[in-house]
PDB file of all heavy atoms in Angstrom:
ATOM      1  N   SER A   1     -44.707  49.340  19.287  1.00  0.00           N
ATOM      2  CA  SER A   1     -43.969  50.473  18.719  1.00  0.00           C
ATOM      3  C   SER A   1     -43.495  50.070  17.337  1.00  0.00           C
ATOM      4  O   SER A   1     -43.596  48.901  16.941  1.00  0.00           O
ATOM      5  CB  SER A   1     -42.767  50.836  19.594  1.00  0.00           C
ATOM      6  OG  SER A   1     -41.842  49.768  19.643  1.00  0.00           O
ATOM      7  N   TRP A   2     -42.944  51.037  16.620  1.00  0.00           N
ATOM      8  CA  TRP A   2     -42.394  50.765  15.282  1.00  0.00           C
ATOM      9  C   TRP A   2     -41.360  51.812  14.956  1.00  0.00           C
ATOM     10  O   TRP A   2     -41.386  52.924  15.498  1.00  0.00           O
ATOM     11  CB  TRP A   2     -43.456  50.697  14.207  1.00  0.00           C
ATOM     12  CG  TRP A   2     -44.301  51.920  14.132  1.00  0.00           C
ATOM     13  CD1 TRP A   2     -44.108  53.025  13.354  1.00  0.00           C
ATOM     14  CD2 TRP A   2     -45.514  52.167  14.855  1.00  0.00           C
ATOM     15  NE1 TRP A   2     -45.107  53.947  13.571  1.00  0.00           N
ATOM     16  CE2 TRP A   2     -45.973  53.460  14.479  1.00  0.00           C
ATOM     17  CE3 TRP A   2     -46.248  51.438  15.808  1.00  0.00           C
ATOM     18  CZ2 TRP A   2     -47.127  53.997  15.016  1.00  0.00           C
ATOM     19  CZ3 TRP A   2     -47.375  52.014  16.342  1.00  0.00           C
ATOM     20  CH2 TRP A   2     -47.815  53.269  15.943  1.00  0.00           C
ATOM     21  N   ASP A   3     -40.440  51.424  14.118  1.00  0.00           N
ATOM     22  CA  ASP A   3     -39.399  52.321  13.613  1.00  0.00           C
ATOM     23  C   ASP A   3     -39.577  52.457  12.111  1.00  0.00           C
ATOM     24  O   ASP A   3     -39.988  51.487  11.449  1.00  0.00           O
ATOM     25  CB  ASP A   3     -37.994  51.743  13.899  1.00  0.00           C
ATOM     26  CG  ASP A   3     -37.786  51.433  15.358  1.00  0.00           C
ATOM     27  OD1 ASP A   3     -38.021  52.329  16.186  1.00  0.00           O
ATOM     28  OD2 ASP A   3     -37.408  50.295  15.671  1.00  0.00           O
ATOM     29  N   VAL A   4     -39.282  53.646  11.602  1.00  0.00           N
ATOM     30  CA  VAL A   4     -39.383  53.884  10.170  1.00  0.00           C
ATOM     31  C   VAL A   4     -37.980  54.215   9.660  1.00  0.00           C
ATOM     32  O   VAL A   4     -37.282  55.036  10.271  1.00  0.00           O
ATOM     33  CB  VAL A   4     -40.347  55.048   9.869  1.00  0.00           C
ATOM     34  CG1 VAL A   4     -40.489  55.271   8.362  1.00  0.00           C
ATOM     35  CG2 VAL A   4     -41.730  54.779  10.488  1.00  0.00           C
ATOM     36  N   SER A   5     -37.596  53.577   8.561  1.00  0.00           N
ATOM     37  CA  SER A   5     -36.280  53.823   8.003  1.00  0.00           C
ATOM     38  C   SER A   5     -36.183  55.258   7.498  1.00  0.00           C
ATOM     39  O   SER A   5     -37.212  55.899   7.248  1.00  0.00           O
ATOM     40  CB  SER A   5     -35.995  52.855   6.848  1.00  0.00           C
ATOM     41  OG  SER A   5     -36.919  53.076   5.787  1.00  0.00           O
ATOM     42  N   PRO A   6     -34.964  55.812   7.385  1.00  0.00           N
ATOM     43  CA  PRO A   6     -34.812  57.211   6.942  1.00  0.00           C
ATOM     44  C   PRO A   6     -35.476  57.506   5.594  1.00  0.00           C
ATOM     45  O   PRO A   6     -35.979  58.604   5.388  1.00  0.00           O
ATOM     46  CB  PRO A   6     -33.307  57.389   6.851  1.00  0.00           C
ATOM     47  CG  PRO A   6     -32.746  56.403   7.837  1.00  0.00           C
ATOM     48  CD  PRO A   6     -33.685  55.214   7.768  1.00  0.00           C
ATOM     49  N   ASP A   7     -35.527  56.519   4.708  1.00  0.00           N
ATOM     50  CA  ASP A   7     -36.163  56.755   3.403  1.00  0.00           C
ATOM     51  C   ASP A   7     -37.685  56.540   3.449  1.00  0.00           C
ATOM     52  O   ASP A   7     -38.386  56.748   2.465  1.00  0.00           O
ATOM     53  CB  ASP A   7     -35.553  55.888   2.313  1.00  0.00           C
ATOM     54  CG  ASP A   7     -35.752  54.395   2.537  1.00  0.00           C
ATOM     55  OD1 ASP A   7     -36.416  53.991   3.514  1.00  0.00           O
ATOM     56  OD2 ASP A   7     -35.255  53.612   1.695  1.00  0.00           O
ATOM     57  N   GLY A   8     -38.212  56.165   4.607  1.00  0.00           N
ATOM     58  CA  GLY A   8     -39.650  55.998   4.779  1.00  0.00           C
ATOM     59  C   GLY A   8     -40.220  54.746   4.114  1.00  0.00           C
ATOM     60  O   GLY A   8     -41.432  54.631   3.964  1.00  0.00           O
ATOM     61  N   LYS A   9     -39.360  53.814   3.735  1.00  0.00           N
ATOM     62  CA  LYS A   9     -39.842  52.639   2.989  1.00  0.00           C
ATOM     63  C   LYS A   9     -39.827  51.335   3.756  1.00  0.00           C
ATOM     64  O   LYS A   9     -40.340  50.340   3.288  1.00  0.00           O
ATOM     65  CB  LYS A   9     -39.014  52.475   1.719  1.00  0.00           C
ATOM     66  CG  LYS A   9     -39.245  53.626   0.727  1.00  0.00           C
ATOM     67  CD  LYS A   9     -38.526  53.365  -0.573  1.00  0.00           C
ATOM     68  CE  LYS A   9     -38.832  54.484  -1.570  1.00  0.00           C
ATOM     69  NZ  LYS A   9     -38.202  54.252  -2.838  1.00  0.00           N
ATOM     70  N   THR A  10     -39.256  51.319   4.963  1.00  0.00           N
ATOM     71  CA  THR A  10     -39.237  50.110   5.759  1.00  0.00           C
ATOM     72  C   THR A  10     -39.741  50.414   7.165  1.00  0.00           C
ATOM     73  O   THR A  10     -39.243  51.331   7.831  1.00  0.00           O
ATOM     74  CB  THR A  10     -37.819  49.484   5.817  1.00  0.00           C
ATOM     75  OG1 THR A  10     -37.373  49.224   4.490  1.00  0.00           O
ATOM     76  CG2 THR A  10     -37.823  48.196   6.605  1.00  0.00           C
ATOM     77  N   TYR A  11     -40.735  49.638   7.574  1.00  0.00           N
ATOM     78  CA  TYR A  11     -41.361  49.786   8.878  1.00  0.00           C
ATOM     79  C   TYR A  11     -41.035  48.553   9.699  1.00  0.00           C
ATOM     80  O   TYR A  11     -41.355  47.426   9.275  1.00  0.00           O
ATOM     81  CB  TYR A  11     -42.871  49.943   8.734  1.00  0.00           C
ATOM     82  CG  TYR A  11     -43.245  51.210   8.013  1.00  0.00           C
ATOM     83  CD1 TYR A  11     -43.097  51.338   6.624  1.00  0.00           C
ATOM     84  CD2 TYR A  11     -43.712  52.302   8.718  1.00  0.00           C
ATOM     85  CE1 TYR A  11     -43.416  52.511   5.955  1.00  0.00           C
ATOM     86  CE2 TYR A  11     -44.034  53.491   8.054  1.00  0.00           C
ATOM     87  CZ  TYR A  11     -43.877  53.587   6.681  1.00  0.00           C
ATOM     88  OH  TYR A  11     -44.204  54.740   6.043  1.00  0.00           O
ATOM     89  N   THR A  12     -40.402  48.734  10.835  1.00  0.00           N
ATOM     90  CA  THR A  12     -40.067  47.639  11.724  1.00  0.00           C
ATOM     91  C   THR A  12     -41.023  47.681  12.900  1.00  0.00           C
ATOM     92  O   THR A  12     -40.971  48.611  13.717  1.00  0.00           O
ATOM     93  CB  THR A  12     -38.596  47.707  12.185  1.00  0.00           C
ATOM     94  OG1 THR A  12     -37.755  47.737  11.023  1.00  0.00           O
ATOM     95  CG2 THR A  12     -38.230  46.521  13.046  1.00  0.00           C
ATOM     96  N   PHE A  13     -41.885  46.697  12.992  1.00  0.00           N
ATOM     97  CA  PHE A  13     -42.905  46.643  14.031  1.00  0.00           C
ATOM     98  C   PHE A  13     -42.437  45.736  15.173  1.00  0.00           C
ATOM     99  O   PHE A  13     -42.012  44.600  14.934  1.00  0.00           O
ATOM    100  CB  PHE A  13     -44.228  46.114  13.480  1.00  0.00           C
ATOM    101  CG  PHE A  13     -44.874  47.050  12.510  1.00  0.00           C
ATOM    102  CD1 PHE A  13     -44.659  46.919  11.157  1.00  0.00           C
ATOM    103  CD2 PHE A  13     -45.716  48.056  12.968  1.00  0.00           C
ATOM    104  CE1 PHE A  13     -45.257  47.790  10.257  1.00  0.00           C
ATOM    105  CE2 PHE A  13     -46.319  48.942  12.078  1.00  0.00           C
ATOM    106  CZ  PHE A  13     -46.086  48.793  10.719  1.00  0.00           C
ATOM    107  N   HIS A  14     -42.507  46.263  16.383  1.00  0.00           N
ATOM    108  CA  HIS A  14     -42.160  45.522  17.598  1.00  0.00           C
ATOM    109  C   HIS A  14     -43.492  45.101  18.255  1.00  0.00           C
ATOM    110  O   HIS A  14     -44.226  45.966  18.758  1.00  0.00           O
ATOM    111  CB  HIS A  14     -41.313  46.374  18.528  1.00  0.00           C
ATOM    112  CG  HIS A  14     -40.117  46.948  17.838  1.00  0.00           C
ATOM    113  ND1 HIS A  14     -38.964  46.208  17.601  1.00  0.00           N
ATOM    114  CD2 HIS A  14     -39.909  48.167  17.280  1.00  0.00           C
ATOM    115  CE1 HIS A  14     -38.106  46.952  16.947  1.00  0.00           C
ATOM    116  NE2 HIS A  14     -38.646  48.153  16.728  1.00  0.00           N
ATOM    117  N   LEU A  15     -43.780  43.829  18.206  1.00  0.00           N
ATOM    118  CA  LEU A  15     -45.076  43.324  18.640  1.00  0.00           C
ATOM    119  C   LEU A  15     -45.180  43.279  20.177  1.00  0.00           C
ATOM    120  O   LEU A  15     -44.199  43.029  20.867  1.00  0.00           O
ATOM    121  CB  LEU A  15     -45.308  41.928  18.089  1.00  0.00           C
ATOM    122  CG  LEU A  15     -45.192  41.783  16.560  1.00  0.00           C
ATOM    123  CD1 LEU A  15     -45.439  40.332  16.170  1.00  0.00           C
ATOM    124  CD2 LEU A  15     -46.161  42.709  15.866  1.00  0.00           C
ATOM    125  N   LYS A  16     -46.402  43.516  20.656  1.00  0.00           N
ATOM    126  CA  LYS A  16     -46.670  43.376  22.088  1.00  0.00           C
ATOM    127  C   LYS A  16     -46.492  41.910  22.449  1.00  0.00           C
ATOM    128  O   LYS A  16     -46.911  41.007  21.725  1.00  0.00           O
ATOM    129  CB  LYS A  16     -48.112  43.774  22.406  1.00  0.00           C
ATOM    130  CG  LYS A  16     -48.343  45.264  22.335  1.00  0.00           C
ATOM    131  CD  LYS A  16     -49.778  45.579  22.702  1.00  0.00           C
ATOM    132  CE  LYS A  16     -50.040  47.064  22.600  1.00  0.00           C
ATOM    133  NZ  LYS A  16     -51.437  47.376  22.858  1.00  0.00           N
ATOM    134  N   LYS A  17     -45.853  41.666  23.569  1.00  0.00           N
ATOM    135  CA  LYS A  17     -45.683  40.304  24.069  1.00  0.00           C
ATOM    136  C   LYS A  17     -46.900  39.930  24.909  1.00  0.00           C
ATOM    137  O   LYS A  17     -47.523  40.790  25.534  1.00  0.00           O
ATOM    138  CB  LYS A  17     -44.406  40.202  24.887  1.00  0.00           C
ATOM    139  CG  LYS A  17     -43.174  40.415  24.006  1.00  0.00           C
ATOM    140  CD  LYS A  17     -41.893  40.358  24.787  1.00  0.00           C
ATOM    141  CE  LYS A  17     -40.760  40.598  23.776  1.00  0.00           C
ATOM    142  NZ  LYS A  17     -39.557  41.069  24.403  1.00  0.00           N
ATOM    143  N   GLY A  18     -47.249  38.670  24.874  1.00  0.00           N
ATOM    144  CA  GLY A  18     -48.366  38.180  25.680  1.00  0.00           C
ATOM    145  C   GLY A  18     -49.715  38.286  24.994  1.00  0.00           C
ATOM    146  O   GLY A  18     -50.725  37.883  25.591  1.00  0.00           O
ATOM    147  N   VAL A  19     -49.788  38.793  23.778  1.00  0.00           N
ATOM    148  CA  VAL A  19     -51.063  38.835  23.044  1.00  0.00           C
ATOM    149  C   VAL A  19     -51.377  37.415  22.578  1.00  0.00           C
ATOM    150  O   VAL A  19     -50.544  36.754  21.975  1.00  0.00           O
ATOM    151  CB  VAL A  19     -50.977  39.797  21.821  1.00  0.00           C
ATOM    152  CG1 VAL A  19     -52.236  39.726  20.992  1.00  0.00           C
ATOM    153  CG2 VAL A  19     -50.697  41.211  22.287  1.00  0.00           C
ATOM    154  N   LYS A  20     -52.590  36.961  22.866  1.00  0.00           N
ATOM    155  CA  LYS A  20     -52.945  35.579  22.559  1.00  0.00           C
ATOM    156  C   LYS A  20     -54.177  35.503  21.672  1.00  0.00           C
ATOM    157  O   LYS A  20     -55.067  36.338  21.752  1.00  0.00           O
ATOM    158  CB  LYS A  20     -53.184  34.804  23.838  1.00  0.00           C
ATOM    159  CG  LYS A  20     -51.907  34.760  24.671  1.00  0.00           C
ATOM    160  CD  LYS A  20     -52.024  33.853  25.841  1.00  0.00           C
ATOM    161  CE  LYS A  20     -50.679  33.951  26.549  1.00  0.00           C
ATOM    162  NZ  LYS A  20     -50.412  32.983  27.479  1.00  0.00           N
ATOM    163  N   PHE A  21     -54.167  34.482  20.833  1.00  0.00           N
ATOM    164  CA  PHE A  21     -55.334  34.159  20.044  1.00  0.00           C
ATOM    165  C   PHE A  21     -56.379  33.497  20.955  1.00  0.00           C
ATOM    166  O   PHE A  21     -56.092  33.132  22.092  1.00  0.00           O
ATOM    167  CB  PHE A  21     -54.956  33.190  18.902  1.00  0.00           C
ATOM    168  CG  PHE A  21     -54.115  33.864  17.832  1.00  0.00           C
ATOM    169  CD1 PHE A  21     -52.748  33.650  17.799  1.00  0.00           C
ATOM    170  CD2 PHE A  21     -54.691  34.664  16.877  1.00  0.00           C
ATOM    171  CE1 PHE A  21     -51.965  34.256  16.816  1.00  0.00           C
ATOM    172  CE2 PHE A  21     -53.921  35.273  15.883  1.00  0.00           C
ATOM    173  CZ  PHE A  21     -52.562  35.058  15.860  1.00  0.00           C
ATOM    174  N   HIS A  22     -57.570  33.294  20.411  1.00  0.00           N
ATOM    175  CA  HIS A  22     -58.642  32.678  21.208  1.00  0.00           C
ATOM    176  C   HIS A  22     -58.286  31.308  21.728  1.00  0.00           C
ATOM    177  O   HIS A  22     -58.794  30.857  22.755  1.00  0.00           O
ATOM    178  CB  HIS A  22     -59.927  32.600  20.364  1.00  0.00           C
ATOM    179  CG  HIS A  22     -59.828  31.618  19.244  1.00  0.00           C
ATOM    180  ND1 HIS A  22     -59.134  31.847  18.089  1.00  0.00           N
ATOM    181  CD2 HIS A  22     -60.299  30.345  19.146  1.00  0.00           C
ATOM    182  CE1 HIS A  22     -59.199  30.792  17.309  1.00  0.00           C
ATOM    183  NE2 HIS A  22     -59.891  29.869  17.931  1.00  0.00           N
ATOM    184  N   ASN A  23     -57.353  30.609  21.064  1.00  0.00           N
ATOM    185  CA  ASN A  23     -56.974  29.257  21.489  1.00  0.00           C
ATOM    186  C   ASN A  23     -55.810  29.263  22.495  1.00  0.00           C
ATOM    187  O   ASN A  23     -55.319  28.207  22.882  1.00  0.00           O
ATOM    188  CB  ASN A  23     -56.614  28.398  20.280  1.00  0.00           C
ATOM    189  CG  ASN A  23     -55.408  28.911  19.518  1.00  0.00           C
ATOM    190  OD1 ASN A  23     -54.776  29.904  19.876  1.00  0.00           O
ATOM    191  ND2 ASN A  23     -55.076  28.236  18.440  1.00  0.00           N
ATOM    192  N   GLY A  24     -55.349  30.440  22.900  1.00  0.00           N
ATOM    193  CA  GLY A  24     -54.289  30.552  23.865  1.00  0.00           C
ATOM    194  C   GLY A  24     -52.886  30.682  23.280  1.00  0.00           C
ATOM    195  O   GLY A  24     -51.935  30.953  23.993  1.00  0.00           O
ATOM    196  N   LYS A  25     -52.752  30.497  21.965  1.00  0.00           N
ATOM    197  CA  LYS A  25     -51.435  30.615  21.298  1.00  0.00           C
ATOM    198  C   LYS A  25     -51.016  32.066  21.255  1.00  0.00           C
ATOM    199  O   LYS A  25     -51.797  32.948  20.918  1.00  0.00           O
ATOM    200  CB  LYS A  25     -51.517  30.052  19.884  1.00  0.00           C
ATOM    201  CG  LYS A  25     -50.224  30.166  19.101  1.00  0.00           C
ATOM    202  CD  LYS A  25     -50.448  29.773  17.631  1.00  0.00           C
ATOM    203  CE  LYS A  25     -49.199  29.974  16.804  1.00  0.00           C
ATOM    204  NZ  LYS A  25     -48.776  31.340  16.644  1.00  0.00           N
TER     205      LYS A  25
END
């Protein structure tokens, strides 16, 4: 999900937990 500031200039992204790179990180 993400939130947008009232002026439309700041986007706060909430990352999915548990997403892993190919190396498991």
